[in-house]
Protein backbone atom coordinates (compact mmCIF):
# COMPACT_ATOMS: atom_id res chain seq x y z
CA MET A 1 0.00 0.00 0.00
CA SER A 2 2.76 2.46 0.89
CA LYS A 3 4.59 1.65 -2.36
CA LYS A 4 1.53 2.82 -4.35
CA VAL A 5 1.35 6.09 -2.43
CA CYS A 6 5.09 6.64 -2.83
CA LEU A 7 4.92 5.89 -6.56
CA SER A 8 2.01 8.32 -6.94
CA LEU A 9 4.00 11.06 -5.23
CA VAL A 10 6.99 10.43 -7.49
CA LEU A 11 4.76 10.68 -10.59
CA VAL A 12 3.17 13.93 -9.37
CA ALA A 13 6.61 15.41 -8.64
CA ALA A 14 7.88 14.34 -12.08
CA ALA A 15 4.85 15.87 -13.79
CA ALA A 16 5.33 19.13 -11.87
CA ALA A 17 8.98 19.26 -12.93
CA CYS A 18 7.94 19.05 -16.60
CA VAL A 19 5.77 22.18 -16.45
CA SER A 20 7.21 25.07 -18.44
CA PRO A 21 8.60 27.75 -16.10
CA VAL A 22 6.68 30.44 -18.01
CA PHE A 23 3.34 28.82 -17.27
CA ALA A 24 4.27 27.68 -13.76
CA GLN A 25 4.54 31.34 -12.75
CA SER A 26 1.40 32.54 -14.50
CA GLN A 27 -1.54 34.40 -13.02
CA SER A 28 -1.12 36.13 -9.72
CA TRP A 29 -4.30 37.55 -8.23
CA SER A 30 -2.65 38.32 -4.91
CA GLU A 31 -0.10 40.85 -6.14
CA VAL A 32 0.42 43.51 -8.76
CA LEU A 33 3.14 42.48 -11.19
CA VAL A 34 5.13 45.21 -12.94
CA GLY A 35 7.98 45.41 -15.38
CA ASN A 36 9.71 42.33 -16.69
CA GLY A 37 8.06 40.08 -14.11
CA ARG A 38 4.57 40.62 -15.50
CA PHE A 39 4.87 39.75 -19.19
CA ALA A 40 6.53 36.86 -21.01
CA ILE A 41 7.02 36.70 -24.77
CA LEU A 42 5.97 33.18 -25.74
CA ASN A 43 8.48 31.26 -27.83
CA GLN A 44 5.81 28.58 -28.34
CA PHE A 45 3.95 31.21 -30.40
CA ASN A 46 7.04 32.16 -32.43
CA GLY A 47 7.40 35.30 -30.30
CA GLU A 48 4.10 36.62 -31.69
CA ALA A 49 2.17 36.40 -28.40
CA VAL A 50 2.64 37.60 -24.83
CA LEU A 51 1.52 35.96 -21.60
CA ASP A 52 0.26 38.38 -18.97
CA ARG A 53 1.18 36.61 -15.74
CA GLU A 54 -1.08 38.87 -13.71
CA THR A 55 -4.29 37.95 -15.57
CA GLY A 56 -3.31 34.67 -17.25
CA LEU A 57 -4.38 36.06 -20.66
CA VAL A 58 -2.34 35.66 -23.84
CA TRP A 59 -2.24 38.74 -26.12
CA GLN A 60 -1.05 39.33 -29.66
CA ARG A 61 2.35 40.93 -29.30
CA ALA A 62 1.56 43.35 -32.13
CA PRO A 63 -2.10 44.31 -32.61
CA LEU A 64 -3.46 44.63 -36.13
CA ALA A 65 -2.04 47.83 -37.64
CA GLU A 66 -4.98 48.62 -39.93
CA PRO A 67 -8.25 49.89 -38.44
CA ILE A 68 -11.46 47.89 -38.93
CA THR A 69 -14.57 49.98 -39.55
CA VAL A 70 -17.32 47.56 -38.39
CA PHE A 71 -17.61 45.35 -35.32
CA PRO A 72 -18.52 42.05 -37.06
CA VAL A 73 -15.38 42.27 -39.20
CA ALA A 74 -13.21 42.98 -36.13
CA SER A 75 -14.75 40.05 -34.28
CA ARG A 76 -14.28 37.78 -37.28
CA TYR A 77 -10.66 38.91 -37.64
CA CYS A 78 -9.90 37.56 -34.16
CA ILE A 79 -11.89 34.37 -34.71
CA ASP A 80 -9.94 33.65 -37.91
CA LEU A 81 -6.57 34.72 -36.49
CA ASN A 82 -3.74 32.21 -36.59
CA THR A 83 -0.93 33.78 -34.54
CA GLY A 84 2.06 31.67 -33.61
CA ASN A 85 0.32 28.81 -35.41
CA ARG A 86 -2.46 28.94 -32.77
CA ARG A 87 -6.19 29.51 -33.13
CA GLY A 88 -8.78 30.35 -30.44
CA TRP A 89 -8.44 34.15 -30.44
CA ARG A 90 -11.26 36.62 -29.69
CA LEU A 91 -11.90 40.30 -29.06
CA PRO A 92 -11.21 41.14 -25.41
CA SER A 93 -13.75 42.58 -22.99
CA ILE A 94 -13.26 46.21 -21.96
CA VAL A 95 -12.09 45.02 -18.53
CA GLU A 96 -9.43 42.83 -20.15
CA LEU A 97 -8.21 45.75 -22.28
CA GLN A 98 -8.12 47.99 -19.20
CA SER A 99 -6.00 45.39 -17.39
CA LEU A 100 -3.12 46.38 -19.72
CA THR A 101 -3.25 50.04 -18.69
CA ASP A 102 -1.46 51.99 -15.99
CA THR A 103 -3.27 55.19 -14.99
CA SER A 104 -0.04 56.77 -13.73
CA VAL A 105 1.49 56.93 -17.23
CA SER A 106 0.37 58.11 -20.66
CA ASN A 107 1.41 58.00 -24.30
CA PRO A 108 1.10 55.05 -23.98
CA ALA A 109 -0.96 54.29 -20.88
CA LEU A 110 0.38 50.74 -20.96
CA THR A 111 1.94 49.03 -17.97
CA VAL A 112 5.62 49.92 -17.63
CA GLY A 113 7.89 47.26 -19.11
CA HIS A 114 5.30 45.94 -21.56
CA PRO A 115 6.70 44.06 -24.60
CA PHE A 116 3.97 45.03 -27.06
CA LEU A 117 4.73 46.41 -30.52
CA ASN A 118 2.91 48.86 -32.79
CA VAL A 119 0.21 49.99 -30.35
CA ASP A 120 -1.77 52.74 -32.10
CA LEU A 121 -2.22 55.71 -29.76
CA ASP A 122 -4.49 57.65 -32.13
CA ARG A 123 -7.36 55.15 -32.21
CA TYR A 124 -9.67 53.22 -29.95
CA TYR A 125 -9.39 49.45 -29.70
CA TRP A 126 -12.49 47.31 -30.14
CA SER A 127 -13.84 45.43 -27.13
CA SER A 128 -16.57 42.82 -27.01
CA THR A 129 -18.40 44.67 -24.22
CA THR A 130 -21.72 46.17 -25.31
CA THR A 131 -22.72 49.46 -23.67
CA SER A 132 -25.70 48.86 -21.38
CA ASP A 133 -27.80 51.75 -22.67
CA ASN A 134 -27.15 51.23 -26.39
CA PRO A 135 -26.71 47.74 -27.88
CA GLY A 136 -25.51 49.40 -31.09
CA SER A 137 -22.31 50.46 -29.32
CA VAL A 138 -19.45 48.72 -27.57
CA TRP A 139 -16.85 50.14 -25.22
CA GLY A 140 -13.46 50.88 -26.73
CA LEU A 141 -10.14 51.85 -25.19
CA ASN A 142 -7.63 54.45 -26.33
CA PHE A 143 -4.13 53.61 -25.11
CA ALA A 144 -2.76 57.16 -25.31
CA MET A 145 -4.48 58.11 -22.05
CA GLY A 146 -6.14 54.83 -21.11
CA ARG A 147 -9.54 56.39 -21.86
CA VAL A 148 -12.69 54.31 -22.36
CA GLY A 149 -15.24 55.54 -24.90
CA ARG A 150 -18.20 54.42 -26.97
CA VAL A 151 -17.57 52.84 -30.36
CA ASP A 152 -20.44 52.41 -32.81
CA ARG A 153 -20.74 48.80 -33.98
CA CYS A 154 -22.05 49.90 -37.40
CA THR A 155 -23.87 46.59 -37.81
CA SER A 156 -26.88 48.02 -39.66
CA GLY A 157 -26.86 49.71 -43.05
CA GLY A 158 -26.54 53.46 -43.23
CA CYS A 159 -24.42 54.09 -40.15
CA GLY A 160 -21.48 55.22 -42.25
CA GLU A 161 -17.81 54.86 -41.53
CA PRO A 162 -16.50 56.08 -38.19
CA LYS A 163 -14.24 59.15 -38.44
CA SER A 164 -11.44 57.23 -36.76
CA PRO A 165 -12.12 53.49 -37.08
CA PRO A 166 -11.01 51.31 -34.15
CA VAL A 167 -8.24 48.73 -34.20
CA ALA A 168 -8.45 45.05 -33.18
CA TRP A 169 -6.18 43.51 -30.55
CA CYS A 170 -6.96 39.83 -30.01
CA VAL A 171 -6.62 37.76 -26.85
CA ARG A 172 -6.77 34.09 -25.83
CA GLY A 173 -7.85 32.55 -22.54
CA GLY A 174 -9.93 33.95 -19.72
CA ALA A 175 -13.67 33.69 -19.39
CA GLY A 176 -14.46 35.31 -22.72
CA PRO A 177 -16.59 38.26 -23.69
CA ASP A 178 -19.86 37.18 -22.06
CA VAL A 179 -18.70 37.63 -18.47
CA GLN A 180 -19.86 41.26 -18.26
């Protein structure tokens, strides 16, 4: 009987030793992580994705550079995305986008030490979070100041093109967009 317990403990210890150090240190809800300790560029994604150890989310390292004028196209862009030879991407919720910001800095209002590339400071980024008083709008985030604002989904005909179309920044993991 004791041999079985001992063997089980050896197998558990061996399995724990095989866990990648990047993922073994992921997600810390008990502390605020800053600088190099918070983000890890993922080699498993060919360096095209970043693990946020504080939230456990995986972000595109470089968001899409071109703006997308309508919400369904932005959502579909993330659904079809194949970054680092991985699928399963989606538009983030507004809370997930805000988790990347630091209110004590601006231009960009991103957490100090972030490894992200090509973040557009002139535009809002799409979120999947619908505004409660207008289902035709979602919340967007501008990373110059970390400001949240309304973005028209433009899902029906005749709404025209936004003056400054938002940009898509896709994410993997987490609870998804319906947690709001």
